[in-house]
């Protein structure tokens, strides 16, 4: 939201600056959301970055915005439950 507001204000002041900022902001968001954030969250939860990104994608499709917000903690819970189940099965 903040990036959109800044791009809009820049666009009213200088069209070129607004377009350049909008392109920069979109690229920055894509890099952060698809590479940096899953990597950091995967280290904290001890899940792979692919699993974090997959859980967010599934949560977004199943539950919308709220689903995407609770997808990573839910993936962590599933991991812990699965580990405990496999440990008890031995």
C-alpha atoms as a PDB file:
ATOM      1  CA  UNK A   1       0.000   0.000   0.000  1.00  0.00           C
ATOM      2  CA  UNK A   2       2.790   2.413   0.839  1.00  0.00           C
ATOM      3  CA  UNK A   3       4.561   1.677  -2.433  1.00  0.00           C
ATOM      4  CA  UNK A   4       1.365   2.354  -4.369  1.00  0.00           C
ATOM      5  CA  UNK A   5       0.835   5.643  -2.543  1.00  0.00           C
ATOM      6  CA  UNK A   6       4.396   6.798  -3.227  1.00  0.00           C
ATOM      7  CA  UNK A   7       4.169   5.777  -6.882  1.00  0.00           C
ATOM      8  CA  UNK A   8       0.891   7.685  -7.223  1.00  0.00           C
ATOM      9  CA  UNK A   9       2.352  10.816  -5.637  1.00  0.00           C
ATOM     10  CA  UNK A  10       5.425  10.594  -7.846  1.00  0.00           C
ATOM     11  CA  UNK A  11       3.238  10.046 -10.888  1.00  0.00           C
ATOM     12  CA  UNK A  12       1.346  13.278 -10.195  1.00  0.00           C
ATOM     13  CA  UNK A  13       4.619  15.170  -9.779  1.00  0.00           C
ATOM     14  CA  UNK A  14       6.666  13.543 -12.548  1.00  0.00           C
ATOM     15  CA  UNK A  15       5.280  10.780 -14.772  1.00  0.00           C
ATOM     16  CA  UNK A  16       8.712   9.297 -15.533  1.00  0.00           C
ATOM     17  CA  UNK A  17       9.687   9.147 -11.865  1.00  0.00           C
ATOM     18  CA  UNK A  18       6.371   7.504 -11.002  1.00  0.00           C
ATOM     19  CA  UNK A  19       6.754   4.833 -13.670  1.00  0.00           C
ATOM     20  CA  UNK A  20      10.383   4.124 -12.732  1.00  0.00           C
ATOM     21  CA  UNK A  21       9.482   3.821  -9.042  1.00  0.00           C
ATOM     22  CA  UNK A  22       6.512   1.567  -9.786  1.00  0.00           C
ATOM     23  CA  UNK A  23       8.720  -0.773 -11.852  1.00  0.00           C
ATOM     24  CA  UNK A  24      11.412  -0.761  -9.146  1.00  0.00           C
ATOM     25  CA  UNK A  25       8.861  -1.445  -6.408  1.00  0.00           C
ATOM     26  CA  UNK A  26       7.264  -4.355  -8.279  1.00  0.00           C
ATOM     27  CA  UNK A  27      10.665  -5.969  -8.932  1.00  0.00           C
ATOM     28  CA  UNK A  28      11.718  -5.417  -5.306  1.00  0.00           C
ATOM     29  CA  UNK A  29       8.499  -6.952  -3.972  1.00  0.00           C
ATOM     30  CA  UNK A  30       8.820 -10.004  -6.223  1.00  0.00           C
ATOM     31  CA  UNK A  31      12.409 -10.638  -5.126  1.00  0.00           C
ATOM     32  CA  UNK A  32      11.596 -10.179  -1.447  1.00  0.00           C
ATOM     33  CA  UNK A  33       8.393 -12.234  -1.483  1.00  0.00           C
ATOM     34  CA  UNK A  34       9.702 -15.108  -3.600  1.00  0.00           C
ATOM     35  CA  UNK A  35      13.329 -15.451  -2.483  1.00  0.00           C
ATOM     36  CA  UNK A  36      14.250 -13.580   0.695  1.00  0.00           C
ATOM     37  CA  UNK A  37      11.192 -14.115   2.926  1.00  0.00           C
ATOM     38  CA  UNK A  38      10.828 -17.881   2.265  1.00  0.00           C
ATOM     39  CA  UNK A  39      14.536 -18.351   2.931  1.00  0.00           C
ATOM     40  CA  UNK A  40      14.395 -16.563   6.286  1.00  0.00           C
ATOM     41  CA  UNK A  41      11.167 -18.253   7.362  1.00  0.00           C
ATOM     42  CA  UNK A  42      12.431 -21.672   6.315  1.00  0.00           C
ATOM     43  CA  UNK A  43      15.464 -21.305   8.581  1.00  0.00           C
ATOM     44  CA  UNK A  44      13.309 -20.337  11.563  1.00  0.00           C
ATOM     45  CA  UNK A  45      10.821 -23.173  11.070  1.00  0.00           C
ATOM     46  CA  UNK A  46      13.385 -25.653   9.789  1.00  0.00           C
ATOM     47  CA  UNK A  47      11.324 -26.139   6.621  1.00  0.00           C
ATOM     48  CA  UNK A  48      12.604 -25.874   3.073  1.00  0.00           C
ATOM     49  CA  UNK A  49      12.047 -22.584   1.274  1.00  0.00           C
ATOM     50  CA  UNK A  50       9.988 -24.473  -1.311  1.00  0.00           C
ATOM     51  CA  UNK A  51       7.716 -25.793   1.427  1.00  0.00           C
ATOM     52  CA  UNK A  52       7.219 -22.286   2.847  1.00  0.00           C
ATOM     53  CA  UNK A  53       6.421 -20.841  -0.582  1.00  0.00           C
ATOM     54  CA  UNK A  54       4.123 -23.781  -1.383  1.00  0.00           C
ATOM     55  CA  UNK A  55       2.242 -23.455   1.897  1.00  0.00           C
ATOM     56  CA  UNK A  56       1.667 -19.736   1.332  1.00  0.00           C
ATOM     57  CA  UNK A  57       0.459 -20.376  -2.209  1.00  0.00           C
ATOM     58  CA  UNK A  58      -1.923 -23.131  -1.100  1.00  0.00           C
ATOM     59  CA  UNK A  59      -3.139 -21.004   1.804  1.00  0.00           C
ATOM     60  CA  UNK A  60      -3.794 -18.086  -0.546  1.00  0.00           C
ATOM     61  CA  UNK A  61      -5.827 -20.202  -2.941  1.00  0.00           C
ATOM     62  CA  UNK A  62      -7.768 -22.011  -0.222  1.00  0.00           C
ATOM     63  CA  UNK A  63      -8.351 -19.237   2.310  1.00  0.00           C
ATOM     64  CA  UNK A  64      -7.574 -15.975   0.576  1.00  0.00           C
ATOM     65  CA  UNK A  65      -5.577 -13.360   2.472  1.00  0.00           C
ATOM     66  CA  UNK A  66      -6.312 -14.886   5.867  1.00  0.00           C
ATOM     67  CA  UNK A  67      -5.259 -18.298   4.572  1.00  0.00           C
ATOM     68  CA  UNK A  68      -1.944 -16.939   3.366  1.00  0.00           C
ATOM     69  CA  UNK A  69      -1.291 -15.349   6.753  1.00  0.00           C
ATOM     70  CA  UNK A  70      -1.828 -18.562   8.704  1.00  0.00           C
ATOM     71  CA  UNK A  71      -0.258 -20.896   6.119  1.00  0.00           C
ATOM     72  CA  UNK A  72       3.318 -20.767   7.435  1.00  0.00           C
ATOM     73  CA  UNK A  73       2.428 -21.415  11.094  1.00  0.00           C
ATOM     74  CA  UNK A  74       0.081 -24.175   9.926  1.00  0.00           C
ATOM     75  CA  UNK A  75       2.914 -25.758   7.922  1.00  0.00           C
ATOM     76  CA  UNK A  76       5.084 -25.639  11.046  1.00  0.00           C
ATOM     77  CA  UNK A  77       2.356 -27.331  13.086  1.00  0.00           C
ATOM     78  CA  UNK A  78       1.925 -30.049  10.457  1.00  0.00           C
ATOM     79  CA  UNK A  79       5.698 -30.629  10.455  1.00  0.00           C
ATOM     80  CA  UNK A  80       5.810 -31.014  14.246  1.00  0.00           C
ATOM     81  CA  UNK A  81       2.778 -33.323  14.296  1.00  0.00           C
ATOM     82  CA  UNK A  82       4.196 -35.453  11.496  1.00  0.00           C
ATOM     83  CA  UNK A  83       7.582 -35.720  13.238  1.00  0.00           C
ATOM     84  CA  UNK A  84       5.912 -36.758  16.509  1.00  0.00           C
ATOM     85  CA  UNK A  85       3.726 -39.322  14.724  1.00  0.00           C
ATOM     86  CA  UNK A  86       6.703 -40.841  12.894  1.00  0.00           C
ATOM     87  CA  UNK A  87       8.721 -40.897  16.117  1.00  0.00           C
ATOM     88  CA  UNK A  88       5.971 -42.765  17.960  1.00  0.00           C
ATOM     89  CA  UNK A  89       5.511 -45.206  15.075  1.00  0.00           C
ATOM     90  CA  UNK A  90       9.074 -46.484  15.504  1.00  0.00           C
END
